[in-house]
Amino acid sequence: MSHAPPPRPTRESSQTASADGVRRSSVEVSALEPDWSRERLAPGEWSPGKRLLGCLRAYQRLAGQSGLLCALRRRVIVLRHRFWSAVSGADIPLNCNIGGGLLIPHPNGIVIHPHASIGPNCLIFQQVTLGTLAQGGTPVLGGHVDLGAGAKILGNVRIGDHAVVGANAVVLHDVPARAVAVGIPAVSRVCAEGRRE
């Protein structure tokens, strides 16, 4: 009888159970270095969110270049962006400041102000709004921030690295790093271990 070697740990399978029974990943996602593989399309994958992000990245790569060919390529990219915006139902301008590794698995209804800033490796679910208030200012998200479905981040708000904003939360004040913000208006608290829950 032969024994197969134990499976090698992967990013998906490297989870540990804590004392409270909640499974947590032992792999920390970086808040500084973008993981570009999160935006990469697998062969044959249908992902309007990733295709929309691809248009943003291509347009921004060509933004500083001049010449007839670059101008023509930018126009084609703008048309692709409009198509994927309509297909995905997301309103993400071409000139947004978005760090690498952004995940938008369900892009329907996502609205991002052109002056909002998003750090690397963030996760944004459907119906999220990053916008302004009458007082002005736009949100700034740190690295590896998770925004739940329907969350609204409004005004001159800073969300710290590794923070989580719950579904349908309305954030009007800063959220510290590694905190969880929930409610209307959102109230944030930092986890006791300094980890996200």
N, C-alpha and C. Protein backbone atom coordinates (compact mmCIF):
# COMPACT_ATOMS: atom_id res chain seq x y z
N MET A 1 0.84 -1.17 0.00
CA MET A 1 0.00 0.00 0.00
C MET A 1 0.89 1.24 0.00
N SER A 2 0.72 2.08 -0.99
CA SER A 2 1.55 3.27 -1.08
C SER A 2 0.80 4.47 -0.51
N HIS A 3 1.55 5.33 0.07
CA HIS A 3 0.97 6.55 0.64
C HIS A 3 1.35 7.71 -0.25
N ALA A 4 0.37 8.49 -0.59
CA ALA A 4 0.63 9.69 -1.39
C ALA A 4 1.20 10.76 -0.50
N PRO A 5 2.10 11.56 -1.03
CA PRO A 5 2.64 12.66 -0.21
C PRO A 5 1.54 13.65 0.12
N PRO A 6 1.65 14.31 1.26
CA PRO A 6 0.62 15.29 1.63
C PRO A 6 0.58 16.43 0.61
N PRO A 7 -0.60 17.00 0.37
CA PRO A 7 -0.69 18.09 -0.61
C PRO A 7 0.13 19.29 -0.15
N ARG A 8 0.74 19.93 -1.12
CA ARG A 8 1.51 21.13 -0.80
C ARG A 8 0.56 22.26 -0.48
N PRO A 9 0.88 23.06 0.54
CA PRO A 9 -0.02 24.17 0.86
C PRO A 9 -0.03 25.20 -0.27
N THR A 10 -1.20 25.67 -0.58
CA THR A 10 -1.36 26.72 -1.57
C THR A 10 -1.94 27.93 -0.90
N ARG A 11 -2.03 29.01 -1.66
CA ARG A 11 -2.58 30.24 -1.10
C ARG A 11 -4.01 30.03 -0.61
N GLU A 12 -4.79 29.22 -1.38
CA GLU A 12 -6.17 28.99 -1.02
C GLU A 12 -6.31 28.05 0.17
N SER A 13 -5.39 27.07 0.30
CA SER A 13 -5.56 26.06 1.33
C SER A 13 -4.80 26.35 2.60
N SER A 14 -4.03 27.41 2.66
CA SER A 14 -3.24 27.68 3.85
C SER A 14 -4.07 28.49 4.85
N GLN A 15 -5.02 27.77 5.46
CA GLN A 15 -5.87 28.40 6.46
C GLN A 15 -5.72 27.66 7.78
N THR A 16 -5.86 28.36 8.86
CA THR A 16 -5.79 27.76 10.18
C THR A 16 -7.04 28.13 10.95
N ALA A 17 -7.45 27.25 11.85
CA ALA A 17 -8.60 27.53 12.69
C ALA A 17 -8.11 28.18 13.97
N SER A 18 -8.73 29.29 14.35
CA SER A 18 -8.35 29.98 15.58
C SER A 18 -9.17 29.41 16.74
N ALA A 19 -8.93 29.91 17.92
CA ALA A 19 -9.62 29.44 19.12
C ALA A 19 -11.13 29.60 19.01
N ASP A 20 -11.59 30.61 18.28
CA ASP A 20 -13.04 30.82 18.17
C ASP A 20 -13.66 30.01 17.03
N GLY A 21 -12.85 29.14 16.37
CA GLY A 21 -13.38 28.28 15.33
C GLY A 21 -13.45 28.92 13.96
N VAL A 22 -13.10 30.20 13.83
CA VAL A 22 -13.14 30.88 12.54
C VAL A 22 -11.88 30.53 11.76
N ARG A 23 -12.05 30.17 10.48
CA ARG A 23 -10.91 29.84 9.64
C ARG A 23 -10.30 31.13 9.10
N ARG A 24 -9.02 31.28 9.33
CA ARG A 24 -8.32 32.46 8.84
C ARG A 24 -7.13 32.02 8.00
N SER A 25 -6.84 32.80 7.00
CA SER A 25 -5.71 32.51 6.14
C SER A 25 -4.42 32.87 6.86
N SER A 26 -3.41 32.00 6.70
CA SER A 26 -2.11 32.31 7.30
C SER A 26 -1.25 33.12 6.35
N VAL A 27 -1.76 33.41 5.15
CA VAL A 27 -1.04 34.21 4.17
C VAL A 27 -1.57 35.64 4.26
N GLU A 28 -0.71 36.56 4.56
CA GLU A 28 -1.09 37.97 4.66
C GLU A 28 -0.99 38.61 3.28
N VAL A 29 -2.05 39.25 2.85
CA VAL A 29 -2.04 39.96 1.58
C VAL A 29 -1.36 41.30 1.82
N SER A 30 -0.45 41.67 0.95
CA SER A 30 0.33 42.89 1.12
C SER A 30 -0.53 44.14 0.92
N ALA A 31 -0.26 45.13 1.75
CA ALA A 31 -0.90 46.43 1.61
C ALA A 31 -0.01 47.39 0.82
N LEU A 32 1.19 46.93 0.46
CA LEU A 32 2.14 47.81 -0.24
C LEU A 32 2.45 47.34 -1.66
N GLU A 33 2.68 46.04 -1.83
CA GLU A 33 3.07 45.50 -3.12
C GLU A 33 1.86 44.93 -3.85
N PRO A 34 1.53 45.45 -5.04
CA PRO A 34 0.38 44.93 -5.76
C PRO A 34 0.61 43.51 -6.26
N ASP A 35 -0.41 42.69 -6.15
CA ASP A 35 -0.40 41.33 -6.67
C ASP A 35 -1.13 41.36 -8.01
N TRP A 36 -0.38 41.55 -9.09
CA TRP A 36 -0.99 41.73 -10.41
C TRP A 36 -1.70 40.48 -10.88
N SER A 37 -1.40 39.32 -10.32
CA SER A 37 -2.08 38.10 -10.74
C SER A 37 -3.56 38.13 -10.40
N ARG A 38 -3.96 38.96 -9.45
CA ARG A 38 -5.38 39.07 -9.08
C ARG A 38 -6.21 39.69 -10.22
N GLU A 39 -5.57 40.48 -11.08
CA GLU A 39 -6.28 41.12 -12.20
C GLU A 39 -6.14 40.36 -13.50
N ARG A 40 -5.31 39.34 -13.53
CA ARG A 40 -5.03 38.61 -14.76
C ARG A 40 -6.20 37.69 -15.12
N LEU A 41 -6.58 37.69 -16.40
CA LEU A 41 -7.64 36.82 -16.89
C LEU A 41 -7.09 35.42 -17.15
N ALA A 42 -7.81 34.41 -16.69
CA ALA A 42 -7.46 33.03 -17.04
C ALA A 42 -7.96 32.76 -18.46
N PRO A 43 -7.36 31.82 -19.17
CA PRO A 43 -7.83 31.52 -20.53
C PRO A 43 -9.32 31.15 -20.53
N GLY A 44 -10.08 31.82 -21.36
CA GLY A 44 -11.51 31.54 -21.48
C GLY A 44 -12.37 32.11 -20.37
N GLU A 45 -11.79 32.87 -19.46
CA GLU A 45 -12.56 33.41 -18.32
C GLU A 45 -13.45 34.57 -18.76
N TRP A 46 -14.69 34.55 -18.33
CA TRP A 46 -15.62 35.65 -18.58
C TRP A 46 -15.64 36.49 -17.31
N SER A 47 -15.00 37.61 -17.33
CA SER A 47 -14.96 38.47 -16.16
C SER A 47 -15.01 39.93 -16.62
N PRO A 48 -16.22 40.51 -16.69
CA PRO A 48 -16.32 41.91 -17.11
C PRO A 48 -15.52 42.86 -16.23
N GLY A 49 -15.43 42.56 -14.93
CA GLY A 49 -14.66 43.42 -14.03
C GLY A 49 -13.18 43.45 -14.38
N LYS A 50 -12.62 42.29 -14.65
CA LYS A 50 -11.19 42.23 -15.02
C LYS A 50 -10.96 42.88 -16.38
N ARG A 51 -11.91 42.71 -17.30
CA ARG A 51 -11.75 43.32 -18.62
C ARG A 51 -11.85 44.85 -18.53
N LEU A 52 -12.73 45.35 -17.66
CA LEU A 52 -12.83 46.79 -17.44
C LEU A 52 -11.53 47.33 -16.85
N LEU A 53 -10.97 46.61 -15.87
CA LEU A 53 -9.69 47.01 -15.29
C LEU A 53 -8.58 46.98 -16.34
N GLY A 54 -8.62 46.00 -17.23
CA GLY A 54 -7.64 45.92 -18.30
C GLY A 54 -7.67 47.16 -19.19
N CYS A 55 -8.88 47.67 -19.45
CA CYS A 55 -9.01 48.91 -20.24
C CYS A 55 -8.39 50.10 -19.50
N LEU A 56 -8.64 50.16 -18.19
CA LEU A 56 -8.06 51.25 -17.38
C LEU A 56 -6.54 51.21 -17.43
N ARG A 57 -5.99 50.01 -17.22
CA ARG A 57 -4.53 49.87 -17.20
C ARG A 57 -3.93 50.22 -18.57
N ALA A 58 -4.55 49.75 -19.65
CA ALA A 58 -4.03 50.03 -20.99
C ALA A 58 -4.09 51.53 -21.30
N TYR A 59 -5.18 52.18 -20.92
CA TYR A 59 -5.31 53.62 -21.17
C TYR A 59 -4.25 54.40 -20.39
N GLN A 60 -4.05 54.04 -19.14
CA GLN A 60 -3.09 54.76 -18.32
C GLN A 60 -1.65 54.52 -18.78
N ARG A 61 -1.35 53.35 -19.34
CA ARG A 61 -0.01 53.11 -19.90
C ARG A 61 0.25 54.03 -21.09
N LEU A 62 -0.79 54.32 -21.88
CA LEU A 62 -0.62 55.16 -23.07
C LEU A 62 -0.83 56.65 -22.80
N ALA A 63 -1.25 57.03 -21.60
CA ALA A 63 -1.63 58.41 -21.32
C ALA A 63 -0.52 59.41 -21.58
N GLY A 64 0.69 59.10 -21.26
CA GLY A 64 1.78 60.06 -21.43
C GLY A 64 2.45 60.02 -22.78
N GLN A 65 2.03 59.13 -23.64
CA GLN A 65 2.69 58.98 -24.93
C GLN A 65 1.98 59.80 -26.00
N SER A 66 2.75 60.21 -27.00
CA SER A 66 2.17 60.99 -28.09
C SER A 66 2.39 60.26 -29.41
N GLY A 67 1.74 60.75 -30.41
CA GLY A 67 1.87 60.15 -31.74
C GLY A 67 0.52 59.68 -32.25
N LEU A 68 0.44 59.53 -33.53
CA LEU A 68 -0.81 59.15 -34.18
C LEU A 68 -1.27 57.75 -33.77
N LEU A 69 -0.33 56.81 -33.72
CA LEU A 69 -0.68 55.44 -33.35
C LEU A 69 -1.20 55.37 -31.91
N CYS A 70 -0.56 56.07 -31.00
CA CYS A 70 -1.00 56.09 -29.60
C CYS A 70 -2.38 56.74 -29.48
N ALA A 71 -2.61 57.81 -30.21
CA ALA A 71 -3.92 58.47 -30.17
C ALA A 71 -5.01 57.53 -30.68
N LEU A 72 -4.72 56.78 -31.72
CA LEU A 72 -5.68 55.81 -32.26
C LEU A 72 -5.93 54.68 -31.26
N ARG A 73 -4.86 54.18 -30.64
CA ARG A 73 -5.01 53.13 -29.63
C ARG A 73 -5.82 53.62 -28.44
N ARG A 74 -5.60 54.85 -28.01
CA ARG A 74 -6.38 55.40 -26.89
C ARG A 74 -7.86 55.46 -27.23
N ARG A 75 -8.19 55.85 -28.46
CA ARG A 75 -9.60 55.91 -28.87
C ARG A 75 -10.24 54.52 -28.85
N VAL A 76 -9.50 53.53 -29.31
CA VAL A 76 -10.01 52.16 -29.28
C VAL A 76 -10.21 51.71 -27.84
N ILE A 77 -9.26 52.05 -26.97
CA ILE A 77 -9.38 51.67 -25.55
C ILE A 77 -10.58 52.37 -24.92
N VAL A 78 -10.82 53.63 -25.26
CA VAL A 78 -11.99 54.35 -24.73
C VAL A 78 -13.27 53.63 -25.15
N LEU A 79 -13.34 53.19 -26.39
CA LEU A 79 -14.53 52.45 -26.86
C LEU A 79 -14.67 51.13 -26.11
N ARG A 80 -13.56 50.41 -25.91
CA ARG A 80 -13.61 49.16 -25.12
C ARG A 80 -14.06 49.45 -23.70
N HIS A 81 -13.55 50.54 -23.11
CA HIS A 81 -13.93 50.92 -21.75
C HIS A 81 -15.43 51.19 -21.66
N ARG A 82 -15.97 51.90 -22.64
CA ARG A 82 -17.41 52.17 -22.64
C ARG A 82 -18.21 50.89 -22.76
N PHE A 83 -17.75 49.98 -23.60
CA PHE A 83 -18.44 48.71 -23.76
C PHE A 83 -18.44 47.93 -22.45
N TRP A 84 -17.26 47.76 -21.84
CA TRP A 84 -17.19 46.97 -20.61
C TRP A 84 -17.84 47.69 -19.44
N SER A 85 -17.91 49.01 -19.46
CA SER A 85 -18.66 49.74 -18.43
C SER A 85 -20.15 49.42 -18.54
N ALA A 86 -20.66 49.38 -19.78
CA ALA A 86 -22.07 49.05 -19.98
C ALA A 86 -22.36 47.59 -19.61
N VAL A 87 -21.47 46.68 -20.00
CA VAL A 87 -21.67 45.27 -19.69
C VAL A 87 -21.61 45.03 -18.18
N SER A 88 -20.65 45.65 -17.51
CA SER A 88 -20.46 45.42 -16.07
C SER A 88 -21.38 46.27 -15.22
N GLY A 89 -21.87 47.38 -15.77
CA GLY A 89 -22.72 48.27 -14.97
C GLY A 89 -21.93 49.10 -13.97
N ALA A 90 -20.64 49.23 -14.18
CA ALA A 90 -19.78 49.99 -13.27
C ALA A 90 -19.43 51.34 -13.87
N ASP A 91 -19.25 52.35 -13.00
CA ASP A 91 -18.84 53.68 -13.43
C ASP A 91 -17.47 53.97 -12.81
N ILE A 92 -16.43 53.53 -13.51
CA ILE A 92 -15.05 53.72 -13.06
C ILE A 92 -14.33 54.49 -14.15
N PRO A 93 -14.04 55.78 -13.93
CA PRO A 93 -13.40 56.60 -14.97
C PRO A 93 -12.00 56.10 -15.34
N LEU A 94 -11.60 56.41 -16.56
CA LEU A 94 -10.29 55.98 -17.05
C LEU A 94 -9.12 56.62 -16.29
N ASN A 95 -9.34 57.77 -15.68
CA ASN A 95 -8.24 58.46 -15.02
C ASN A 95 -8.21 58.24 -13.51
N CYS A 96 -8.86 57.20 -13.01
CA CYS A 96 -8.84 56.90 -11.57
C CYS A 96 -7.44 56.49 -11.11
N ASN A 97 -7.14 56.77 -9.85
CA ASN A 97 -5.89 56.35 -9.24
C ASN A 97 -6.16 55.05 -8.48
N ILE A 98 -5.93 53.92 -9.16
CA ILE A 98 -6.23 52.61 -8.59
C ILE A 98 -4.95 51.80 -8.54
N GLY A 99 -4.61 51.33 -7.34
CA GLY A 99 -3.43 50.48 -7.19
C GLY A 99 -3.65 49.11 -7.81
N GLY A 100 -2.57 48.40 -8.06
CA GLY A 100 -2.66 47.09 -8.68
C GLY A 100 -3.28 46.05 -7.78
N GLY A 101 -3.77 44.98 -8.39
CA GLY A 101 -4.33 43.87 -7.64
C GLY A 101 -5.77 44.08 -7.19
N LEU A 102 -6.48 45.03 -7.77
CA LEU A 102 -7.87 45.27 -7.40
C LEU A 102 -8.74 44.10 -7.83
N LEU A 103 -9.61 43.66 -6.94
CA LEU A 103 -10.60 42.63 -7.27
C LEU A 103 -11.98 43.26 -7.24
N ILE A 104 -12.72 43.10 -8.34
CA ILE A 104 -14.12 43.52 -8.38
C ILE A 104 -14.92 42.34 -8.97
N PRO A 105 -15.19 41.32 -8.12
CA PRO A 105 -15.83 40.11 -8.63
C PRO A 105 -17.24 40.33 -9.16
N HIS A 106 -17.96 41.28 -8.60
CA HIS A 106 -19.32 41.61 -9.05
C HIS A 106 -19.36 43.13 -9.28
N PRO A 107 -18.96 43.60 -10.46
CA PRO A 107 -18.78 45.04 -10.66
C PRO A 107 -20.07 45.85 -10.81
N ASN A 108 -21.22 45.20 -10.82
CA ASN A 108 -22.48 45.90 -11.06
C ASN A 108 -22.72 47.01 -10.04
N GLY A 109 -22.92 48.22 -10.52
CA GLY A 109 -23.28 49.34 -9.66
C GLY A 109 -22.14 50.01 -8.93
N ILE A 110 -20.90 49.65 -9.20
CA ILE A 110 -19.77 50.30 -8.53
C ILE A 110 -19.58 51.68 -9.15
N VAL A 111 -19.49 52.70 -8.29
CA VAL A 111 -19.27 54.07 -8.73
C VAL A 111 -18.05 54.61 -8.00
N ILE A 112 -17.05 55.06 -8.75
CA ILE A 112 -15.82 55.59 -8.16
C ILE A 112 -15.59 56.99 -8.70
N HIS A 113 -15.43 57.95 -7.81
CA HIS A 113 -15.14 59.33 -8.20
C HIS A 113 -13.76 59.38 -8.86
N PRO A 114 -13.60 60.20 -9.89
CA PRO A 114 -12.31 60.26 -10.60
C PRO A 114 -11.13 60.64 -9.71
N HIS A 115 -11.36 61.37 -8.62
CA HIS A 115 -10.26 61.80 -7.77
C HIS A 115 -10.05 60.89 -6.55
N ALA A 116 -10.86 59.85 -6.41
CA ALA A 116 -10.67 58.90 -5.31
C ALA A 116 -9.37 58.13 -5.55
N SER A 117 -8.77 57.67 -4.46
CA SER A 117 -7.52 56.92 -4.56
C SER A 117 -7.70 55.56 -3.88
N ILE A 118 -7.30 54.51 -4.59
CA ILE A 118 -7.46 53.15 -4.08
C ILE A 118 -6.09 52.49 -4.03
N GLY A 119 -5.73 51.95 -2.88
CA GLY A 119 -4.43 51.30 -2.70
C GLY A 119 -4.38 49.93 -3.35
N PRO A 120 -3.23 49.27 -3.25
CA PRO A 120 -3.08 47.96 -3.89
C PRO A 120 -3.86 46.86 -3.17
N ASN A 121 -4.24 45.84 -3.95
CA ASN A 121 -4.85 44.60 -3.45
C ASN A 121 -6.16 44.80 -2.70
N CYS A 122 -6.96 45.75 -3.12
CA CYS A 122 -8.27 45.97 -2.50
C CYS A 122 -9.32 45.05 -3.11
N LEU A 123 -10.42 44.88 -2.40
CA LEU A 123 -11.54 44.08 -2.84
C LEU A 123 -12.79 44.93 -2.74
N ILE A 124 -13.49 45.12 -3.86
CA ILE A 124 -14.69 45.95 -3.88
C ILE A 124 -15.84 45.13 -4.44
N PHE A 125 -16.90 44.98 -3.65
CA PHE A 125 -18.08 44.25 -4.11
C PHE A 125 -19.09 45.19 -4.76
N GLN A 126 -20.20 44.64 -5.20
CA GLN A 126 -21.20 45.36 -5.98
C GLN A 126 -21.84 46.50 -5.19
N GLN A 127 -22.30 47.51 -5.96
CA GLN A 127 -23.07 48.65 -5.44
C GLN A 127 -22.27 49.55 -4.49
N VAL A 128 -20.94 49.50 -4.54
CA VAL A 128 -20.10 50.36 -3.69
C VAL A 128 -19.94 51.72 -4.35
N THR A 129 -20.00 52.77 -3.54
CA THR A 129 -19.79 54.13 -4.02
C THR A 129 -18.63 54.78 -3.27
N LEU A 130 -17.69 55.32 -4.02
CA LEU A 130 -16.62 56.16 -3.46
C LEU A 130 -16.86 57.54 -4.03
N GLY A 131 -17.38 58.45 -3.21
CA GLY A 131 -17.78 59.75 -3.75
C GLY A 131 -17.53 60.90 -2.81
N THR A 132 -18.08 62.05 -3.16
CA THR A 132 -17.85 63.28 -2.40
C THR A 132 -19.11 63.69 -1.65
N LEU A 133 -18.93 64.66 -0.78
CA LEU A 133 -20.03 65.33 -0.09
C LEU A 133 -20.01 66.80 -0.50
N ALA A 134 -20.96 67.56 -0.02
CA ALA A 134 -21.01 68.99 -0.35
C ALA A 134 -19.75 69.72 0.12
N GLN A 135 -19.12 69.24 1.20
CA GLN A 135 -17.91 69.86 1.72
C GLN A 135 -16.70 69.57 0.85
N GLY A 136 -16.82 68.65 -0.08
CA GLY A 136 -15.70 68.31 -0.97
C GLY A 136 -14.85 67.20 -0.41
N GLY A 137 -13.78 66.93 -1.10
CA GLY A 137 -12.87 65.86 -0.70
C GLY A 137 -13.33 64.51 -1.24
N THR A 138 -12.37 63.62 -1.46
CA THR A 138 -12.69 62.29 -1.96
C THR A 138 -11.99 61.25 -1.08
N PRO A 139 -12.52 60.03 -1.07
CA PRO A 139 -11.95 58.98 -0.23
C PRO A 139 -10.57 58.53 -0.69
N VAL A 140 -9.78 58.08 0.29
CA VAL A 140 -8.47 57.48 0.04
C VAL A 140 -8.46 56.14 0.75
N LEU A 141 -8.33 55.07 -0.01
CA LEU A 141 -8.27 53.74 0.58
C LEU A 141 -6.83 53.29 0.66
N GLY A 142 -6.45 52.71 1.78
CA GLY A 142 -5.12 52.14 1.93
C GLY A 142 -5.02 50.83 1.18
N GLY A 143 -3.99 50.06 1.48
CA GLY A 143 -3.80 48.79 0.82
C GLY A 143 -4.59 47.68 1.47
N HIS A 144 -5.02 46.72 0.67
CA HIS A 144 -5.79 45.55 1.10
C HIS A 144 -6.99 45.93 1.95
N VAL A 145 -7.82 46.80 1.41
CA VAL A 145 -9.07 47.20 2.04
C VAL A 145 -10.20 46.42 1.38
N ASP A 146 -11.09 45.84 2.17
CA ASP A 146 -12.24 45.11 1.66
C ASP A 146 -13.49 45.93 1.87
N LEU A 147 -14.24 46.20 0.79
CA LEU A 147 -15.49 46.97 0.88
C LEU A 147 -16.65 46.04 0.56
N GLY A 148 -17.54 45.86 1.54
CA GLY A 148 -18.68 44.98 1.37
C GLY A 148 -19.72 45.56 0.42
N ALA A 149 -20.64 44.71 -0.02
CA ALA A 149 -21.67 45.09 -0.98
C ALA A 149 -22.48 46.28 -0.46
N GLY A 150 -22.65 47.28 -1.30
CA GLY A 150 -23.48 48.42 -0.97
C GLY A 150 -22.83 49.46 -0.07
N ALA A 151 -21.57 49.31 0.26
CA ALA A 151 -20.90 50.27 1.14
C ALA A 151 -20.76 51.62 0.43
N LYS A 152 -20.90 52.70 1.19
CA LYS A 152 -20.74 54.05 0.67
C LYS A 152 -19.64 54.74 1.46
N ILE A 153 -18.59 55.17 0.78
CA ILE A 153 -17.47 55.89 1.40
C ILE A 153 -17.54 57.29 0.83
N LEU A 154 -17.90 58.26 1.67
CA LEU A 154 -18.21 59.60 1.17
C LEU A 154 -17.36 60.67 1.81
N GLY A 155 -16.85 61.58 1.00
CA GLY A 155 -16.12 62.75 1.49
C GLY A 155 -14.64 62.48 1.68
N ASN A 156 -14.00 63.40 2.39
CA ASN A 156 -12.56 63.34 2.64
C ASN A 156 -12.29 62.33 3.75
N VAL A 157 -12.35 61.04 3.40
CA VAL A 157 -12.23 59.95 4.36
C VAL A 157 -11.01 59.11 4.01
N ARG A 158 -10.26 58.69 5.03
CA ARG A 158 -9.13 57.79 4.82
C ARG A 158 -9.46 56.45 5.48
N ILE A 159 -9.28 55.38 4.69
CA ILE A 159 -9.48 54.03 5.19
C ILE A 159 -8.10 53.40 5.30
N GLY A 160 -7.73 52.93 6.49
CA GLY A 160 -6.40 52.40 6.73
C GLY A 160 -6.16 51.05 6.10
N ASP A 161 -4.89 50.64 6.04
CA ASP A 161 -4.50 49.36 5.47
C ASP A 161 -5.20 48.21 6.19
N HIS A 162 -5.57 47.19 5.44
CA HIS A 162 -6.18 45.95 5.95
C HIS A 162 -7.51 46.19 6.68
N ALA A 163 -8.19 47.28 6.39
CA ALA A 163 -9.49 47.55 7.03
C ALA A 163 -10.59 46.84 6.24
N VAL A 164 -11.72 46.63 6.93
CA VAL A 164 -12.89 46.02 6.32
C VAL A 164 -14.06 46.95 6.55
N VAL A 165 -14.81 47.25 5.49
CA VAL A 165 -16.03 48.04 5.60
C VAL A 165 -17.18 47.08 5.28
N GLY A 166 -18.10 46.95 6.22
CA GLY A 166 -19.20 46.00 6.07
C GLY A 166 -20.20 46.39 5.01
N ALA A 167 -21.05 45.42 4.66
CA ALA A 167 -22.07 45.63 3.66
C ALA A 167 -23.02 46.75 4.09
N ASN A 168 -23.34 47.64 3.15
CA ASN A 168 -24.28 48.75 3.34
C ASN A 168 -23.85 49.77 4.39
N ALA A 169 -22.60 49.75 4.80
CA ALA A 169 -22.10 50.75 5.75
C ALA A 169 -21.96 52.09 5.03
N VAL A 170 -22.20 53.17 5.75
CA VAL A 170 -22.00 54.52 5.21
C VAL A 170 -20.88 55.15 6.02
N VAL A 171 -19.71 55.27 5.40
CA VAL A 171 -18.51 55.75 6.10
C VAL A 171 -18.35 57.25 5.84
N LEU A 172 -18.39 58.03 6.92
CA LEU A 172 -18.25 59.49 6.83
C LEU A 172 -17.02 59.99 7.59
N HIS A 173 -16.35 59.09 8.33
CA HIS A 173 -15.17 59.45 9.12
C HIS A 173 -14.06 58.44 8.84
N ASP A 174 -12.83 58.81 9.17
CA ASP A 174 -11.69 57.94 8.94
C ASP A 174 -11.85 56.60 9.65
N VAL A 175 -11.29 55.55 9.04
CA VAL A 175 -11.28 54.21 9.61
C VAL A 175 -9.81 53.82 9.79
N PRO A 176 -9.39 53.49 11.03
CA PRO A 176 -7.98 53.15 11.24
C PRO A 176 -7.59 51.83 10.57
N ALA A 177 -6.29 51.60 10.48
CA ALA A 177 -5.78 50.36 9.90
C ALA A 177 -6.26 49.17 10.71
N ARG A 178 -6.55 48.08 10.01
CA ARG A 178 -6.98 46.81 10.61
C ARG A 178 -8.27 46.93 11.42
N ALA A 179 -9.09 47.88 11.07
CA ALA A 179 -10.36 48.06 11.77
C ALA A 179 -11.51 47.52 10.92
N VAL A 180 -12.64 47.31 11.58
CA VAL A 180 -13.86 46.90 10.91
C VAL A 180 -14.87 48.02 11.10
N ALA A 181 -15.49 48.49 10.02
CA ALA A 181 -16.47 49.57 10.09
C ALA A 181 -17.81 49.05 9.60
N VAL A 182 -18.85 49.23 10.43
CA VAL A 182 -20.19 48.78 10.07
C VAL A 182 -21.21 49.80 10.55
N GLY A 183 -22.37 49.82 9.92
CA GLY A 183 -23.49 50.65 10.36
C GLY A 183 -23.70 51.89 9.52
N ILE A 184 -24.78 52.60 9.87
CA ILE A 184 -25.16 53.84 9.19
C ILE A 184 -25.40 54.90 10.27
N PRO A 185 -24.56 55.88 10.45
CA PRO A 185 -23.20 56.01 9.90
C PRO A 185 -22.28 54.97 10.51
N ALA A 186 -21.24 54.62 9.80
CA ALA A 186 -20.36 53.54 10.22
C ALA A 186 -19.59 53.87 11.48
N VAL A 187 -19.49 52.87 12.33
CA VAL A 187 -18.68 52.93 13.54
C VAL A 187 -17.58 51.89 13.35
N SER A 188 -16.34 52.28 13.64
CA SER A 188 -15.23 51.35 13.44
C SER A 188 -14.62 50.94 14.76
N ARG A 189 -14.09 49.72 14.75
CA ARG A 189 -13.36 49.24 15.92
C ARG A 189 -12.20 48.38 15.45
N VAL A 190 -11.10 48.47 16.16
CA VAL A 190 -9.93 47.68 15.85
C VAL A 190 -10.04 46.38 16.62
N CYS A 191 -9.74 45.28 15.96
CA CYS A 191 -9.81 43.98 16.60
C CYS A 191 -8.78 43.88 17.71
N ALA A 192 -9.08 43.08 18.75
CA ALA A 192 -8.23 42.97 19.93
C ALA A 192 -6.83 42.49 19.58
N GLU A 193 -6.71 41.54 18.64
CA GLU A 193 -5.40 40.99 18.29
C GLU A 193 -4.70 41.85 17.25
N GLY A 194 -5.32 42.97 16.82
CA GLY A 194 -4.74 43.78 15.76
C GLY A 194 -4.98 43.15 14.40
N ARG A 195 -5.82 42.10 14.36
CA ARG A 195 -6.14 41.43 13.10
C ARG A 195 -7.58 41.71 12.74
N ARG A 196 -7.87 41.55 11.47
CA ARG A 196 -9.25 41.70 11.04
C ARG A 196 -10.03 40.49 11.49
N GLU A 197 -11.30 40.67 11.77
CA GLU A 197 -12.17 39.54 12.11
C GLU A 197 -12.94 39.13 10.89
